[in-house]
Amino acid sequence: MRRPRLLIAEDHRIVAEGLKRMLEDAFDLVGVVEDGRSLVAEARRLQPDVIVADISMPHLNGIEALLRLRQNGPGAKVVILSMHHSVAYARRAIEAGAAGYVLKHAAPEELQLAIDAALRGGVFVTPALAKDVLGAPGPGRTAPLTLRQREILQLLAEGLTAKQVAERLAISPRTVEFHKYQLMRTHDLHNVAELVHFAIRHGVTSI
């Protein structure tokens, strides 16, 4: 099975090396660039499936580079990595076409969740900002669930603990708890009972 092609845009080399080590096992890393102009040029040349781009880079920032990419391709999904805990920055990134907005100080799992959501056609915003950026879901309008979120939601709704879900899906309990937290914050759920009702309403489980 072909691994998704990944391009990293980060001007701090230590951070870039950390991203490479974190992601190279799951993705086909096609390149690392250090400024916005190089990002645009290399994205057009290499045609990656997904781009992880710092929001603050020389020449063109991540959002300006994204806007240029959206003008005439390619169609890579872009996840913005930022040090700015700001609704305005996050909203600007999503409006520009980003598929994700992740804070640099977040756990590594959050970036992986964002990439996974992007590749599946969803949008991921760091949970601390998601409600203000995406808005509380109204009737008939909810943030899309990734396949992994649906798997975890179904098992939690069936009464499994986070540890049991982790064992069933061969992932860490921390990852399960992170997905659960994101689901509850994004969809304005306050307890497990509301999580179960949400799963039933959206056809994830029939219990």
Protein backbone atom coordinates (compact mmCIF):
# COMPACT_ATOMS: atom_id res chain seq x y z
CA MET A 1 0.00 0.00 0.00
CA ARG A 2 1.41 3.37 -1.03
CA ARG A 3 2.30 5.65 1.86
CA PRO A 4 1.03 9.26 1.58
CA ARG A 5 3.64 11.67 0.24
CA LEU A 6 4.58 14.34 2.79
CA LEU A 7 6.32 17.71 2.40
CA ILE A 8 7.48 19.63 5.50
CA ALA A 9 7.89 23.43 5.54
CA GLU A 10 9.67 24.64 8.68
CA ASP A 11 12.45 27.22 8.98
CA HIS A 12 13.74 26.08 12.37
CA ARG A 13 15.98 23.11 11.67
CA ILE A 14 15.64 21.55 15.10
CA VAL A 15 11.85 21.56 14.77
CA ALA A 16 12.11 20.25 11.21
CA GLU A 17 14.29 17.36 12.35
CA GLY A 18 11.81 16.54 15.07
CA LEU A 19 8.96 16.49 12.56
CA LYS A 20 10.96 14.22 10.25
CA ARG A 21 11.63 11.71 13.02
CA MET A 22 7.99 11.81 14.12
CA LEU A 23 6.46 11.29 10.68
CA GLU A 24 8.92 9.50 8.41
CA ASP A 25 7.80 6.01 9.43
CA ALA A 26 4.19 6.63 8.43
CA PHE A 27 4.75 8.80 5.36
CA ASP A 28 6.90 9.01 2.28
CA LEU A 29 8.85 12.16 3.15
CA VAL A 30 9.54 13.83 -0.20
CA GLY A 31 11.21 17.00 1.07
CA VAL A 32 11.84 19.67 3.70
CA VAL A 33 11.85 23.38 2.84
CA GLU A 34 12.64 26.45 4.96
CA ASP A 35 10.60 29.29 3.45
CA GLY A 36 7.26 29.98 1.83
CA ARG A 37 8.48 30.48 -1.72
CA SER A 38 10.33 27.18 -1.65
CA LEU A 39 7.19 25.54 -0.29
CA VAL A 40 5.14 26.72 -3.25
CA ALA A 41 7.80 25.69 -5.77
CA GLU A 42 8.48 22.27 -4.24
CA ALA A 43 4.81 21.48 -3.73
CA ARG A 44 4.19 22.08 -7.42
CA ARG A 45 7.22 19.98 -8.38
CA LEU A 46 6.83 17.09 -5.93
CA GLN A 47 3.02 16.84 -5.80
CA PRO A 48 2.75 15.67 -2.16
CA ASP A 49 -0.50 14.35 -0.70
CA VAL A 50 -0.11 16.39 2.47
CA ILE A 51 1.97 19.37 3.61
CA VAL A 52 2.84 20.30 7.19
CA ALA A 53 3.71 24.00 7.12
CA ASP A 54 4.84 26.42 9.80
CA ILE A 55 2.71 29.55 9.84
CA SER A 56 5.76 31.83 10.33
CA MET A 57 8.40 31.49 7.60
CA PRO A 58 10.63 33.83 5.60
CA HIS A 59 9.52 35.28 2.22
CA LEU A 60 5.96 33.94 2.46
CA ASN A 61 4.23 32.84 5.63
CA GLY A 62 2.36 29.55 5.68
CA ILE A 63 -1.04 31.09 4.98
CA GLU A 64 0.20 33.22 2.06
CA ALA A 65 1.95 30.16 0.61
CA LEU A 66 -1.29 28.20 0.99
CA LEU A 67 -3.25 30.89 -0.86
CA ARG A 68 -0.78 30.72 -3.76
CA LEU A 69 -1.02 26.96 -3.89
CA ARG A 70 -4.80 27.15 -4.00
CA GLN A 71 -4.72 29.53 -6.99
CA ASN A 72 -3.38 26.99 -9.46
CA GLY A 73 -2.75 23.71 -7.62
CA PRO A 74 -1.52 21.32 -6.50
CA GLY A 75 -4.32 19.81 -4.46
CA ALA A 76 -2.29 18.72 -1.43
CA LYS A 77 -3.94 18.88 1.97
CA VAL A 78 -2.20 21.46 4.17
CA VAL A 79 -1.89 21.29 7.95
CA ILE A 80 -0.68 24.54 9.50
CA LEU A 81 1.66 24.27 12.49
CA SER A 82 1.66 27.37 14.66
CA MET A 83 2.93 28.82 17.92
CA HIS A 84 -0.05 31.23 17.95
CA HIS A 85 -2.85 30.22 20.32
CA SER A 86 -5.19 32.51 18.41
CA VAL A 87 -8.71 32.07 17.07
CA ALA A 88 -7.99 34.75 14.44
CA TYR A 89 -4.92 32.93 13.10
CA ALA A 90 -6.70 29.58 13.10
CA ARG A 91 -9.79 30.97 11.38
CA ARG A 92 -7.64 32.69 8.77
CA ALA A 93 -5.83 29.44 8.05
CA ILE A 94 -9.06 27.46 7.62
CA GLU A 95 -10.59 30.19 5.44
CA ALA A 96 -7.47 30.07 3.25
CA GLY A 97 -8.04 26.37 2.69
CA ALA A 98 -5.99 24.65 5.38
CA ALA A 99 -7.21 21.22 6.47
CA GLY A 100 -5.72 21.59 9.92
CA TYR A 101 -4.40 24.02 12.52
CA VAL A 102 -2.16 22.54 15.23
CA LEU A 103 -0.24 24.31 17.97
CA LYS A 104 3.49 23.64 18.20
CA HIS A 105 3.33 22.90 21.90
CA ALA A 106 0.63 20.24 21.43
CA ALA A 107 1.26 16.54 21.89
CA PRO A 108 2.66 14.74 18.83
CA GLU A 109 -0.56 12.73 18.60
CA GLU A 110 -2.46 15.92 17.77
CA LEU A 111 -0.43 16.53 14.61
CA GLN A 112 -0.91 12.92 13.56
CA LEU A 113 -4.66 13.23 14.13
CA ALA A 114 -4.73 16.40 12.04
CA ILE A 115 -2.89 14.74 9.14
CA ASP A 116 -5.17 11.71 9.31
CA ALA A 117 -8.27 13.93 9.27
CA ALA A 118 -6.89 15.96 6.35
CA LEU A 119 -6.16 12.89 4.25
CA ARG A 120 -9.70 11.65 4.86
CA GLY A 121 -11.19 14.95 3.73
CA GLY A 122 -11.89 16.38 7.17
CA VAL A 123 -10.78 19.52 8.98
CA PHE A 124 -8.94 19.43 12.30
CA VAL A 125 -8.44 22.41 14.57
CA THR A 126 -6.59 22.06 17.85
CA PRO A 127 -9.28 21.32 20.46
CA ALA A 128 -8.45 24.43 22.49
CA LEU A 129 -9.66 26.56 19.56
CA ALA A 130 -12.01 24.26 17.65
CA LYS A 131 -15.32 25.45 19.05
CA ASP A 132 -14.58 29.13 18.38
CA VAL A 133 -13.10 28.50 14.93
CA LEU A 134 -15.50 25.91 13.53
CA GLY A 135 -18.55 26.94 15.52
CA ALA A 136 -20.78 24.74 17.61
CA PRO A 137 -22.44 22.16 15.33
CA GLY A 138 -26.08 22.87 14.65
CA PRO A 139 -28.86 20.54 13.40
CA GLY A 140 -27.73 18.82 10.23
CA ARG A 141 -24.23 20.33 10.46
CA THR A 142 -21.42 18.59 12.32
CA ALA A 143 -17.70 18.49 11.92
CA PRO A 144 -16.82 15.36 9.91
CA LEU A 145 -15.65 12.33 11.85
CA THR A 146 -12.53 10.52 10.77
CA LEU A 147 -12.56 6.73 10.48
CA ARG A 148 -10.49 6.46 13.67
CA GLN A 149 -12.90 8.74 15.55
CA ARG A 150 -15.83 6.59 14.43
CA GLU A 151 -14.05 3.43 15.58
CA ILE A 152 -13.26 4.89 18.98
CA LEU A 153 -16.70 6.46 19.39
CA GLN A 154 -18.42 3.15 18.62
CA LEU A 155 -16.35 1.22 21.15
CA LEU A 156 -16.77 3.87 23.85
CA ALA A 157 -20.52 3.91 23.22
CA GLU A 158 -20.56 0.12 23.63
CA GLY A 159 -19.16 0.58 27.14
CA LEU A 160 -15.46 -0.17 26.68
CA THR A 161 -12.94 1.75 28.75
CA ALA A 162 -10.20 3.82 27.11
CA LYS A 163 -7.70 1.08 27.96
CA GLN A 164 -9.91 -1.59 26.38
CA VAL A 165 -10.43 0.53 23.26
CA ALA A 166 -6.68 1.05 23.00
CA GLU A 167 -6.06 -2.68 23.22
CA ARG A 168 -8.75 -3.44 20.62
CA LEU A 169 -7.36 -0.90 18.13
CA ALA A 170 -3.65 -1.41 18.98
CA ILE A 171 -3.15 2.26 19.90
CA SER A 172 -2.21 4.00 23.15
CA PRO A 173 -4.80 4.87 25.85
CA ARG A 174 -3.54 8.46 25.58
CA THR A 175 -4.56 8.54 21.91
CA VAL A 176 -8.00 7.21 22.81
CA GLU A 177 -8.43 9.86 25.50
CA PHE A 178 -7.30 12.57 23.09
CA HIS A 179 -9.88 11.50 20.47
CA LYS A 180 -12.56 11.38 23.15
CA TYR A 181 -11.64 14.86 24.38
CA GLN A 182 -11.65 16.25 20.85
CA LEU A 183 -15.05 14.70 20.07
CA MET A 184 -16.61 16.06 23.24
CA ARG A 185 -15.16 19.56 22.88
CA THR A 186 -15.87 19.90 19.15
CA HIS A 187 -19.46 18.64 19.43
CA ASP A 188 -20.24 20.33 22.78
CA LEU A 189 -20.71 17.07 24.70
CA HIS A 190 -20.30 17.10 28.46
CA ASN A 191 -20.39 13.49 29.64
CA VAL A 192 -20.34 9.89 28.48
CA ALA A 193 -24.14 9.70 28.22
CA GLU A 194 -24.16 12.60 25.74
CA LEU A 195 -21.33 10.92 23.84
CA VAL A 196 -23.42 7.74 23.54
CA HIS A 197 -26.47 9.69 22.35
CA PHE A 198 -24.29 11.48 19.79
CA ALA A 199 -23.05 8.11 18.50
CA ILE A 200 -26.61 6.84 18.12
CA ARG A 201 -27.86 10.02 16.41
CA HIS A 202 -25.09 9.87 13.85
CA GLY A 203 -25.36 6.20 13.06
CA VAL A 204 -22.08 5.17 14.67
CA THR A 205 -23.81 2.63 16.90
CA SER A 206 -27.35 1.33 17.26
CA ILE A 207 -27.32 0.47 20.98
